[in-house]
Amino acid sequence: MAPEDDPHAEAIRRLNERAASLGARTQRPTASHAGEQAVGQAYKIIAELIGGVLVGLAAGFFVVWAFKVPMAVGLIGGVLAGFALALWMANRTAQRLMAMAKQEGEPPSVPFDDEE
């Protein structure tokens, strides 16, 4: 006599197939968040630029207050020093972000229209 198929096993197999097909239909596609990350990185660099100038301006006020130098000398010197610091920090951040991007892999290059 041939062994009969277990009706419970068959029901479980069909249920698993339905669950797998339902999961495939309802699963959201995974979207790349590269755009959001790029905007966040750009805001970080802009914040470093503005912050460096403001810190330099505050340092200029401190120099004017502490050493009694003329207001123009302290403020201009502070703003220039802050701008130099901001450029250095932004460059360092950009280099670090470029290194991270190269480590993750190069995006495919897209030819321009005029190269045809």
Protein backbone atom coordinates (compact mmCIF):
# COMPACT_ATOMS: atom_id res chain seq x y z
CA MET A 1 0.00 0.00 0.00
CA ALA A 2 1.39 3.44 -0.99
CA PRO A 3 1.90 5.95 1.80
CA GLU A 4 -0.66 8.70 1.74
CA ASP A 5 0.43 12.32 1.63
CA ASP A 6 -0.08 14.01 4.93
CA PRO A 7 -2.89 16.56 4.43
CA HIS A 8 -1.40 18.79 7.11
CA ALA A 9 1.99 18.90 5.37
CA GLU A 10 0.31 19.77 2.07
CA ALA A 11 -1.71 22.53 3.74
CA ILE A 12 1.42 23.95 5.39
CA ARG A 13 3.29 23.87 2.04
CA ARG A 14 0.47 25.78 0.29
CA LEU A 15 0.30 28.28 3.17
CA ASN A 16 4.05 28.91 2.93
CA GLU A 17 3.77 29.46 -0.83
CA ARG A 18 0.95 31.97 -0.33
CA ALA A 19 2.88 33.77 2.39
CA ALA A 20 5.96 34.00 0.15
CA SER A 21 3.94 35.38 -2.77
CA LEU A 22 2.19 37.88 -0.48
CA GLY A 23 5.54 38.99 0.92
CA ALA A 24 6.93 39.49 -2.58
CA ARG A 25 3.91 41.58 -3.61
CA THR A 26 3.82 43.79 -0.52
CA GLN A 27 7.54 44.37 0.00
CA ARG A 28 8.56 47.97 -0.56
CA PRO A 29 11.37 48.58 -2.98
CA THR A 30 14.55 49.68 -1.27
CA ALA A 31 15.38 53.16 -2.50
CA SER A 32 18.84 54.63 -2.54
CA HIS A 33 19.33 57.46 -0.09
CA ALA A 34 22.28 58.95 -1.96
CA GLY A 35 20.44 62.20 -2.65
CA GLU A 36 19.59 62.78 1.00
CA GLN A 37 23.13 61.95 2.06
CA ALA A 38 24.59 64.37 -0.48
CA VAL A 39 22.34 67.17 0.75
CA GLY A 40 23.29 66.43 4.34
CA GLN A 41 26.97 66.51 3.49
CA ALA A 42 26.54 69.81 1.63
CA TYR A 43 24.79 71.33 4.64
CA LYS A 44 27.62 70.12 6.85
CA ILE A 45 30.21 71.87 4.68
CA ILE A 46 28.13 75.07 4.54
CA ALA A 47 27.75 75.00 8.34
CA GLU A 48 31.51 74.66 8.72
CA LEU A 49 32.06 77.66 6.44
CA ILE A 50 29.57 79.88 8.25
CA GLY A 51 30.66 78.64 11.68
CA GLY A 52 34.31 79.33 10.98
CA VAL A 53 33.59 82.92 9.98
CA LEU A 54 31.40 83.47 13.05
CA VAL A 55 34.04 81.99 15.37
CA GLY A 56 36.62 84.27 13.76
CA LEU A 57 34.34 87.26 14.27
CA ALA A 58 33.92 86.33 17.95
CA ALA A 59 37.68 85.92 18.30
CA GLY A 60 38.12 89.38 16.73
CA PHE A 61 35.74 90.89 19.29
CA PHE A 62 37.68 89.17 22.06
CA VAL A 63 40.99 90.55 20.73
CA VAL A 64 39.50 94.06 20.57
CA TRP A 65 38.17 93.75 24.10
CA ALA A 66 41.22 92.10 25.67
CA PHE A 67 44.09 93.92 23.95
CA LYS A 68 42.44 97.28 23.21
CA VAL A 69 43.39 97.21 19.53
CA PRO A 70 41.39 99.24 17.00
CA MET A 71 38.02 97.74 16.17
CA ALA A 72 38.74 97.38 12.45
CA VAL A 73 42.02 95.54 13.02
CA GLY A 74 40.47 93.05 15.42
CA LEU A 75 37.35 92.35 13.41
CA ILE A 76 38.99 92.13 10.01
CA GLY A 77 41.78 89.97 11.37
CA GLY A 78 39.31 87.72 13.17
CA VAL A 79 37.08 87.32 10.12
CA LEU A 80 40.06 86.52 7.89
CA ALA A 81 41.43 84.01 10.39
CA GLY A 82 37.98 82.44 10.76
CA PHE A 83 37.54 82.26 6.99
CA ALA A 84 40.92 80.55 6.63
CA LEU A 85 39.95 78.09 9.36
CA ALA A 86 36.58 77.49 7.70
CA LEU A 87 38.20 76.78 4.34
CA TRP A 88 40.63 74.34 5.93
CA MET A 89 37.81 72.52 7.77
CA ALA A 90 35.59 72.38 4.66
CA ASN A 91 38.48 71.03 2.58
CA ARG A 92 39.22 68.38 5.18
CA THR A 93 35.56 67.34 5.29
CA ALA A 94 35.33 67.22 1.50
CA GLN A 95 38.47 65.07 1.27
CA ARG A 96 37.08 62.68 3.89
CA LEU A 97 33.74 62.42 2.06
CA MET A 98 35.50 61.79 -1.26
CA ALA A 99 37.58 59.03 0.34
CA MET A 100 34.42 57.43 1.71
CA ALA A 101 32.75 57.64 -1.71
CA LYS A 102 35.74 56.02 -3.43
CA GLN A 103 35.78 53.28 -0.82
CA GLU A 104 32.09 52.49 -1.47
CA GLY A 105 32.66 52.30 -5.20
CA GLU A 106 32.62 54.58 -8.17
CA PRO A 107 29.23 55.38 -9.70
CA PRO A 108 28.94 54.58 -13.39
CA SER A 109 30.05 57.45 -15.58
CA VAL A 110 27.49 59.09 -17.82
CA PRO A 111 28.71 60.53 -21.10
CA PHE A 112 27.75 64.07 -21.96
CA ASP A 113 25.68 64.87 -25.03
CA ASP A 114 28.48 66.77 -26.75
CA GLU A 115 30.84 63.77 -26.71
CA GLU A 116 28.86 61.86 -29.32
